[in-house]
Amino acid sequence: MAGGPARRQAGTGRLDKILKKGLVPIIPLTGIIEMANYSTKEFLRKIGVSESTLRRWLSENRIPQLNNVKRDWKGWRIWQDEHVEAVLEYKNRKWLSFKKKGEK
C-alpha cells in the first residue's frame, strides 16, 4: 500500500505507555464546563434547611462563602455547588459541636 495512510502499531503510542505503567491519563477538556446553578428552592432542598434558617444565617454572616452568591437580572440568587458544600460543611461542624456539648 504505497501512498496510503500510515498505520500505527498498537501499543507503541504515548498513551499506551502511560496505561502500561498503571497511570491514569489526564486529558484536558476543551470548551467551557458549566457549573450547576440552583434556584433558592432547589438549594434549600439540597441543603435540607428552611428558608427562614437560610435567611438568618445570611443576615448573621455565619457562612462567609455565601457572601459571593451571584444574582440574576431580577436580583434572585444563583446558587452553585460550592455554596452547597459550604453549607453542608457548616451544618456538619455545627452538629459535631452540638454533639460534643451533649457528651459528658
C-alpha atoms as a PDB file:
ATOM      1  CA  MET A   1       0.000   0.000   0.000  1.00  0.00           C
ATOM      2  CA  ALA A   2       2.332   2.675  -1.106  1.00  0.00           C
ATOM      3  CA  GLY A   3       0.998   6.168  -0.609  1.00  0.00           C
ATOM      4  CA  GLY A   4      -1.786   5.087   1.760  1.00  0.00           C
ATOM      5  CA  PRO A   5      -2.185   6.359   5.294  1.00  0.00           C
ATOM      6  CA  ALA A   6       0.468   5.157   7.703  1.00  0.00           C
ATOM      7  CA  ARG A   7      -0.887   2.774  10.308  1.00  0.00           C
ATOM      8  CA  ARG A   8       0.347   2.983  13.831  1.00  0.00           C
ATOM      9  CA  GLN A   9       1.156  -0.251  15.575  1.00  0.00           C
ATOM     10  CA  ALA A  10      -0.921  -0.939  18.661  1.00  0.00           C
ATOM     11  CA  GLY A  11       0.872  -0.454  21.946  1.00  0.00           C
ATOM     12  CA  THR A  12       3.548   1.973  20.767  1.00  0.00           C
ATOM     13  CA  GLY A  13       1.956   5.364  21.471  1.00  0.00           C
ATOM     14  CA  ARG A  14       2.443   7.694  24.396  1.00  0.00           C
ATOM     15  CA  LEU A  15      -0.988   6.896  25.816  1.00  0.00           C
ATOM     16  CA  ASP A  16      -0.234   3.168  25.662  1.00  0.00           C
ATOM     17  CA  LYS A  17       2.980   3.706  27.649  1.00  0.00           C
ATOM     18  CA  ILE A  18       1.090   5.644  30.314  1.00  0.00           C
ATOM     19  CA  LEU A  19      -1.543   2.926  30.581  1.00  0.00           C
ATOM     20  CA  LYS A  20       1.087   0.169  30.811  1.00  0.00           C
ATOM     21  CA  LYS A  21       2.618   1.933  33.824  1.00  0.00           C
ATOM     22  CA  GLY A  22      -0.775   1.802  35.524  1.00  0.00           C
ATOM     23  CA  LEU A  23      -1.173   5.572  35.468  1.00  0.00           C
ATOM     24  CA  VAL A  24      -4.383   7.392  34.689  1.00  0.00           C
ATOM     25  CA  PRO A  25      -4.032   9.821  31.813  1.00  0.00           C
ATOM     26  CA  ILE A  26      -5.226  13.366  32.365  1.00  0.00           C
ATOM     27  CA  ILE A  27      -6.876  14.524  29.214  1.00  0.00           C
ATOM     28  CA  PRO A  28      -7.585  18.264  29.050  1.00  0.00           C
ATOM     29  CA  LEU A  29     -11.178  19.090  28.318  1.00  0.00           C
ATOM     30  CA  THR A  30     -11.911  21.609  25.636  1.00  0.00           C
ATOM     31  CA  GLY A  31     -14.701  24.096  25.896  1.00  0.00           C
ATOM     32  CA  ILE A  32     -16.415  25.548  28.899  1.00  0.00           C
ATOM     33  CA  ILE A  33     -17.547  23.378  31.764  1.00  0.00           C
ATOM     34  CA  GLU A  34     -20.738  24.771  33.201  1.00  0.00           C
ATOM     35  CA  MET A  35     -21.340  24.537  36.902  1.00  0.00           C
ATOM     36  CA  ALA A  36     -24.778  23.599  38.124  1.00  0.00           C
ATOM     37  CA  ASN A  37     -26.925  26.576  39.039  1.00  0.00           C
ATOM     38  CA  TYR A  38     -29.734  26.215  41.543  1.00  0.00           C
ATOM     39  CA  SER A  39     -32.721  28.356  42.403  1.00  0.00           C
ATOM     40  CA  THR A  40     -33.208  29.122  46.089  1.00  0.00           C
ATOM     41  CA  LYS A  41     -35.909  26.463  46.311  1.00  0.00           C
ATOM     42  CA  GLU A  42     -33.607  23.803  44.796  1.00  0.00           C
ATOM     43  CA  PHE A  43     -30.756  24.988  47.021  1.00  0.00           C
ATOM     44  CA  LEU A  44     -32.892  24.676  50.159  1.00  0.00           C
ATOM     45  CA  ARG A  45     -33.905  21.152  49.149  1.00  0.00           C
ATOM     46  CA  LYS A  46     -30.244  20.169  48.645  1.00  0.00           C
ATOM     47  CA  ILE A  47     -29.026  21.572  51.969  1.00  0.00           C
ATOM     48  CA  GLY A  48     -32.044  20.479  54.000  1.00  0.00           C
ATOM     49  CA  VAL A  49     -32.863  23.719  55.846  1.00  0.00           C
ATOM     50  CA  SER A  50     -35.846  26.045  55.820  1.00  0.00           C
ATOM     51  CA  GLU A  51     -35.878  29.373  54.035  1.00  0.00           C
ATOM     52  CA  SER A  52     -36.050  31.255  57.334  1.00  0.00           C
ATOM     53  CA  THR A  53     -32.955  29.413  58.601  1.00  0.00           C
ATOM     54  CA  LEU A  54     -31.018  30.283  55.454  1.00  0.00           C
ATOM     55  CA  ARG A  55     -32.085  33.937  55.685  1.00  0.00           C
ATOM     56  CA  ARG A  56     -30.989  34.058  59.337  1.00  0.00           C
ATOM     57  CA  TRP A  57     -27.601  32.524  58.501  1.00  0.00           C
ATOM     58  CA  LEU A  58     -27.165  35.061  55.695  1.00  0.00           C
ATOM     59  CA  SER A  59     -28.085  38.041  57.887  1.00  0.00           C
ATOM     60  CA  GLU A  60     -25.797  36.827  60.694  1.00  0.00           C
ATOM     61  CA  ASN A  61     -22.992  36.099  58.189  1.00  0.00           C
ATOM     62  CA  ARG A  62     -22.489  32.622  59.647  1.00  0.00           C
ATOM     63  CA  ILE A  63     -21.137  31.188  56.378  1.00  0.00           C
ATOM     64  CA  PRO A  64     -18.770  33.688  54.718  1.00  0.00           C
ATOM     65  CA  GLN A  65     -18.675  31.710  51.443  1.00  0.00           C
ATOM     66  CA  LEU A  66     -22.310  32.679  50.846  1.00  0.00           C
ATOM     67  CA  ASN A  67     -21.389  36.358  50.511  1.00  0.00           C
ATOM     68  CA  ASN A  68     -20.223  35.846  46.912  1.00  0.00           C
ATOM     69  CA  VAL A  69     -23.504  34.477  45.561  1.00  0.00           C
ATOM     70  CA  LYS A  70     -24.204  35.849  42.107  1.00  0.00           C
ATOM     71  CA  ARG A  71     -27.604  37.215  41.217  1.00  0.00           C
ATOM     72  CA  ASP A  72     -29.590  37.133  38.018  1.00  0.00           C
ATOM     73  CA  TRP A  73     -31.140  40.127  36.272  1.00  0.00           C
ATOM     74  CA  LYS A  74     -34.106  40.020  38.680  1.00  0.00           C
ATOM     75  CA  GLY A  75     -31.831  40.104  41.728  1.00  0.00           C
ATOM     76  CA  TRP A  76     -32.520  36.486  42.642  1.00  0.00           C
ATOM     77  CA  ARG A  77     -29.620  34.475  43.989  1.00  0.00           C
ATOM     78  CA  ILE A  78     -27.997  31.849  41.767  1.00  0.00           C
ATOM     79  CA  TRP A  79     -26.593  29.109  43.994  1.00  0.00           C
ATOM     80  CA  GLN A  80     -23.812  26.744  42.903  1.00  0.00           C
ATOM     81  CA  ASP A  81     -22.246  23.522  44.157  1.00  0.00           C
ATOM     82  CA  GLU A  82     -19.584  25.420  46.116  1.00  0.00           C
ATOM     83  CA  HIS A  83     -22.351  27.025  48.183  1.00  0.00           C
ATOM     84  CA  VAL A  84     -23.991  23.658  48.822  1.00  0.00           C
ATOM     85  CA  GLU A  85     -20.654  22.280  50.055  1.00  0.00           C
ATOM     86  CA  ALA A  86     -20.082  25.310  52.313  1.00  0.00           C
ATOM     87  CA  VAL A  87     -23.487  24.966  53.975  1.00  0.00           C
ATOM     88  CA  LEU A  88     -23.169  21.208  54.425  1.00  0.00           C
ATOM     89  CA  GLU A  89     -19.714  21.692  55.964  1.00  0.00           C
ATOM     90  CA  TYR A  90     -21.141  24.328  58.319  1.00  0.00           C
ATOM     91  CA  LYS A  91     -24.022  22.047  59.299  1.00  0.00           C
ATOM     92  CA  ASN A  92     -21.574  19.205  59.969  1.00  0.00           C
ATOM     93  CA  ARG A  93     -19.357  21.408  62.166  1.00  0.00           C
ATOM     94  CA  LYS A  94     -22.419  22.723  63.995  1.00  0.00           C
ATOM     95  CA  TRP A  95     -23.745  19.207  64.574  1.00  0.00           C
ATOM     96  CA  LEU A  96     -20.387  17.935  65.833  1.00  0.00           C
ATOM     97  CA  SER A  97     -20.028  20.831  68.284  1.00  0.00           C
ATOM     98  CA  PHE A  98     -23.611  20.272  69.475  1.00  0.00           C
ATOM     99  CA  LYS A  99     -22.933  16.559  69.894  1.00  0.00           C
ATOM    100  CA  LYS A 100     -19.726  17.186  71.884  1.00  0.00           C
ATOM    101  CA  LYS A 101     -21.552  19.530  74.260  1.00  0.00           C
ATOM    102  CA  GLY A 102     -24.119  16.801  74.962  1.00  0.00           C
ATOM    103  CA  GLU A 103     -21.486  14.171  75.741  1.00  0.00           C
ATOM    104  CA  LYS A 104     -20.141  14.076  79.287  1.00  0.00           C
END
